[in-house]
Amino acid sequence: GQGRRAYVLVADDNGDMREYLKRLLAPDYDVETVNDGAAALAAIRTRRPDLVLSDVMMPNLDGFGLLQQIRGDPAISDVAIMLLSARAGEEAALEGLQAGADDYLVKPFSARDLLGRIAVQL
């Protein structure tokens, strides 16, 4: 049998990016999208995702804030998190990984690269 599909939660305040990611991931995963970190946190506590794909720059609670909240909550602290950011450069990536992210991808990224990295996390 196929077993269950992995559940991926996408948090991004850009509607086009949310739609794009949903289209990209929907063939292989159960996907839910939210538009900020606060909504993501509520969604995670309702249904635990296998992976959170979060933009860094968001209103209400940004990607780093979301990461801190998740890592600081024993009930959900081991959820895999991949940050997406337009902030190029290794410093930003390092900052994300040091903050506890499992992976960090700089926009624009290729669909293949993203799907490959998600497969690694799952």
C-alpha atoms as a PDB file:
ATOM      1  CA  GLY A   1       0.000   0.000   0.000  1.00  0.00           C
ATOM      2  CA  GLN A   2       0.888   3.642  -0.320  1.00  0.00           C
ATOM      3  CA  GLY A   3       0.564   4.439   3.368  1.00  0.00           C
ATOM      4  CA  ARG A   4      -0.491   7.925   4.318  1.00  0.00           C
ATOM      5  CA  ARG A   5       0.634  11.006   2.465  1.00  0.00           C
ATOM      6  CA  ALA A   6       2.935  13.340   4.328  1.00  0.00           C
ATOM      7  CA  TYR A   7       1.260  16.551   5.473  1.00  0.00           C
ATOM      8  CA  VAL A   8       3.067  19.792   4.629  1.00  0.00           C
ATOM      9  CA  LEU A   9       2.058  23.152   6.079  1.00  0.00           C
ATOM     10  CA  VAL A  10       3.008  26.173   3.979  1.00  0.00           C
ATOM     11  CA  ALA A  11       3.221  29.605   5.633  1.00  0.00           C
ATOM     12  CA  ASP A  12       3.754  32.575   3.320  1.00  0.00           C
ATOM     13  CA  ASP A  13       2.113  35.994   3.227  1.00  0.00           C
ATOM     14  CA  ASN A  14       2.388  36.143  -0.563  1.00  0.00           C
ATOM     15  CA  GLY A  15      -0.730  34.660  -2.163  1.00  0.00           C
ATOM     16  CA  ASP A  16       0.993  33.849  -5.456  1.00  0.00           C
ATOM     17  CA  MET A  17       3.765  32.006  -3.659  1.00  0.00           C
ATOM     18  CA  ARG A  18       1.244  30.061  -1.556  1.00  0.00           C
ATOM     19  CA  GLU A  19      -0.636  28.999  -4.684  1.00  0.00           C
ATOM     20  CA  TYR A  20       2.581  28.069  -6.461  1.00  0.00           C
ATOM     21  CA  LEU A  21       3.819  25.949  -3.575  1.00  0.00           C
ATOM     22  CA  LYS A  22       0.437  24.287  -3.201  1.00  0.00           C
ATOM     23  CA  ARG A  23       0.336  23.397  -6.903  1.00  0.00           C
ATOM     24  CA  LEU A  24       3.882  22.093  -6.715  1.00  0.00           C
ATOM     25  CA  LEU A  25       3.348  19.941  -3.633  1.00  0.00           C
ATOM     26  CA  ALA A  26      -0.264  18.793  -3.991  1.00  0.00           C
ATOM     27  CA  PRO A  27       0.513  15.850  -6.310  1.00  0.00           C
ATOM     28  CA  ASP A  28       2.676  14.229  -3.622  1.00  0.00           C
ATOM     29  CA  TYR A  29       1.599  15.652  -0.290  1.00  0.00           C
ATOM     30  CA  ASP A  30      -1.379  16.844   1.706  1.00  0.00           C
ATOM     31  CA  VAL A  31      -0.880  20.602   1.710  1.00  0.00           C
ATOM     32  CA  GLU A  32      -2.394  23.306   3.847  1.00  0.00           C
ATOM     33  CA  THR A  33      -1.499  26.984   3.403  1.00  0.00           C
ATOM     34  CA  VAL A  34      -1.665  29.860   5.883  1.00  0.00           C
ATOM     35  CA  ASN A  35      -0.634  33.484   5.468  1.00  0.00           C
ATOM     36  CA  ASP A  36       1.424  34.182   8.585  1.00  0.00           C
ATOM     37  CA  GLY A  37       3.302  32.602  11.449  1.00  0.00           C
ATOM     38  CA  ALA A  38       0.516  33.028  13.986  1.00  0.00           C
ATOM     39  CA  ALA A  39      -1.897  31.129  11.737  1.00  0.00           C
ATOM     40  CA  ALA A  40       0.800  28.524  11.119  1.00  0.00           C
ATOM     41  CA  LEU A  41       1.270  27.960  14.841  1.00  0.00           C
ATOM     42  CA  ALA A  42      -2.472  27.491  15.349  1.00  0.00           C
ATOM     43  CA  ALA A  43      -2.586  25.059  12.414  1.00  0.00           C
ATOM     44  CA  ILE A  44       0.384  23.067  13.747  1.00  0.00           C
ATOM     45  CA  ARG A  45      -1.290  22.663  17.140  1.00  0.00           C
ATOM     46  CA  THR A  46      -4.506  21.517  15.461  1.00  0.00           C
ATOM     47  CA  ARG A  47      -2.899  19.019  13.107  1.00  0.00           C
ATOM     48  CA  ARG A  48       0.744  18.178  13.395  1.00  0.00           C
ATOM     49  CA  PRO A  49       2.536  18.532  10.044  1.00  0.00           C
ATOM     50  CA  ASP A  50       5.386  16.335   8.838  1.00  0.00           C
ATOM     51  CA  LEU A  51       7.053  19.456   7.508  1.00  0.00           C
ATOM     52  CA  VAL A  52       6.541  23.200   7.833  1.00  0.00           C
ATOM     53  CA  LEU A  53       7.607  25.274   4.844  1.00  0.00           C
ATOM     54  CA  SER A  54       7.768  28.857   6.054  1.00  0.00           C
ATOM     55  CA  ASP A  55       8.681  32.173   4.533  1.00  0.00           C
ATOM     56  CA  VAL A  56      10.990  34.234   6.761  1.00  0.00           C
ATOM     57  CA  MET A  57       9.370  37.633   6.199  1.00  0.00           C
ATOM     58  CA  MET A  58       5.730  37.558   7.360  1.00  0.00           C
ATOM     59  CA  PRO A  59       3.441  39.806   9.400  1.00  0.00           C
ATOM     60  CA  ASN A  60       2.283  38.941  12.950  1.00  0.00           C
ATOM     61  CA  LEU A  61       4.882  36.238  13.486  1.00  0.00           C
ATOM     62  CA  ASP A  62       7.783  35.855  11.067  1.00  0.00           C
ATOM     63  CA  GLY A  63       9.620  32.675  10.130  1.00  0.00           C
ATOM     64  CA  PHE A  64      12.246  32.997  12.840  1.00  0.00           C
ATOM     65  CA  GLY A  65       9.561  33.749  15.426  1.00  0.00           C
ATOM     66  CA  LEU A  66       7.574  30.728  14.286  1.00  0.00           C
ATOM     67  CA  LEU A  67      10.697  28.606  14.505  1.00  0.00           C
ATOM     68  CA  GLN A  68      11.341  29.765  18.085  1.00  0.00           C
ATOM     69  CA  GLN A  69       7.755  29.037  19.105  1.00  0.00           C
ATOM     70  CA  ILE A  70       7.884  25.541  17.623  1.00  0.00           C
ATOM     71  CA  ARG A  71      11.291  24.651  19.055  1.00  0.00           C
ATOM     72  CA  GLY A  72      10.231  26.017  22.442  1.00  0.00           C
ATOM     73  CA  ASP A  73       7.085  23.888  22.679  1.00  0.00           C
ATOM     74  CA  PRO A  74       7.825  20.277  23.703  1.00  0.00           C
ATOM     75  CA  ALA A  75       4.604  19.063  22.051  1.00  0.00           C
ATOM     76  CA  ILE A  76       5.732  20.187  18.585  1.00  0.00           C
ATOM     77  CA  SER A  77       9.450  20.878  18.998  1.00  0.00           C
ATOM     78  CA  ASP A  78      10.565  18.064  16.690  1.00  0.00           C
ATOM     79  CA  VAL A  79       8.495  19.131  13.665  1.00  0.00           C
ATOM     80  CA  ALA A  80      10.738  19.591  10.595  1.00  0.00           C
ATOM     81  CA  ILE A  81      10.967  23.189   9.400  1.00  0.00           C
ATOM     82  CA  MET A  82      12.287  24.556   6.139  1.00  0.00           C
ATOM     83  CA  LEU A  83      12.644  28.323   5.831  1.00  0.00           C
ATOM     84  CA  LEU A  84      12.255  30.156   2.544  1.00  0.00           C
ATOM     85  CA  SER A  85      13.826  33.565   2.214  1.00  0.00           C
ATOM     86  CA  ALA A  86      14.613  36.187  -0.347  1.00  0.00           C
ATOM     87  CA  ARG A  87      17.564  37.174   1.826  1.00  0.00           C
ATOM     88  CA  ALA A  88      20.459  35.810  -0.135  1.00  0.00           C
ATOM     89  CA  GLY A  89      23.841  34.982   1.276  1.00  0.00           C
ATOM     90  CA  GLU A  90      25.210  32.337   3.536  1.00  0.00           C
ATOM     91  CA  GLU A  91      24.831  34.481   6.646  1.00  0.00           C
ATOM     92  CA  ALA A  92      21.052  34.385   6.462  1.00  0.00           C
ATOM     93  CA  ALA A  93      21.068  30.638   5.855  1.00  0.00           C
ATOM     94  CA  LEU A  94      23.441  30.104   8.748  1.00  0.00           C
ATOM     95  CA  GLU A  95      21.240  32.233  10.977  1.00  0.00           C
ATOM     96  CA  GLY A  96      18.252  30.081  10.012  1.00  0.00           C
ATOM     97  CA  LEU A  97      20.052  26.814  10.665  1.00  0.00           C
ATOM     98  CA  GLN A  98      21.484  28.066  13.960  1.00  0.00           C
ATOM     99  CA  ALA A  99      17.980  29.086  14.995  1.00  0.00           C
ATOM    100  CA  GLY A 100      16.933  25.469  14.582  1.00  0.00           C
ATOM    101  CA  ALA A 101      15.685  25.226  11.005  1.00  0.00           C
ATOM    102  CA  ASP A 102      16.200  21.875   9.277  1.00  0.00           C
ATOM    103  CA  ASP A 103      16.849  23.507   5.937  1.00  0.00           C
ATOM    104  CA  TYR A 104      16.958  26.957   4.396  1.00  0.00           C
ATOM    105  CA  LEU A 105      16.199  27.806   0.808  1.00  0.00           C
ATOM    106  CA  VAL A 106      16.782  31.157  -0.850  1.00  0.00           C
ATOM    107  CA  LYS A 107      14.202  32.512  -3.305  1.00  0.00           C
ATOM    108  CA  PRO A 108      14.054  32.226  -6.219  1.00  0.00           C
ATOM    109  CA  PHE A 109      14.550  28.474  -6.065  1.00  0.00           C
ATOM    110  CA  SER A 110      13.912  25.815  -8.670  1.00  0.00           C
ATOM    111  CA  ALA A 111      10.954  23.491  -8.224  1.00  0.00           C
ATOM    112  CA  ARG A 112      13.284  20.526  -8.501  1.00  0.00           C
ATOM    113  CA  ASP A 113      15.572  21.812  -5.786  1.00  0.00           C
ATOM    114  CA  LEU A 114      12.650  22.434  -3.429  1.00  0.00           C
ATOM    115  CA  LEU A 115      11.044  19.034  -4.065  1.00  0.00           C
ATOM    116  CA  GLY A 116      14.380  17.296  -3.619  1.00  0.00           C
ATOM    117  CA  ARG A 117      15.005  19.003  -0.293  1.00  0.00           C
ATOM    118  CA  ILE A 118      11.490  18.264   0.927  1.00  0.00           C
ATOM    119  CA  ALA A 119      11.942  14.590   0.040  1.00  0.00           C
ATOM    120  CA  VAL A 120      15.129  14.557   2.126  1.00  0.00           C
ATOM    121  CA  GLN A 121      13.296  15.996   5.151  1.00  0.00           C
ATOM    122  CA  LEU A 122      10.478  13.484   4.860  1.00  0.00           C
END
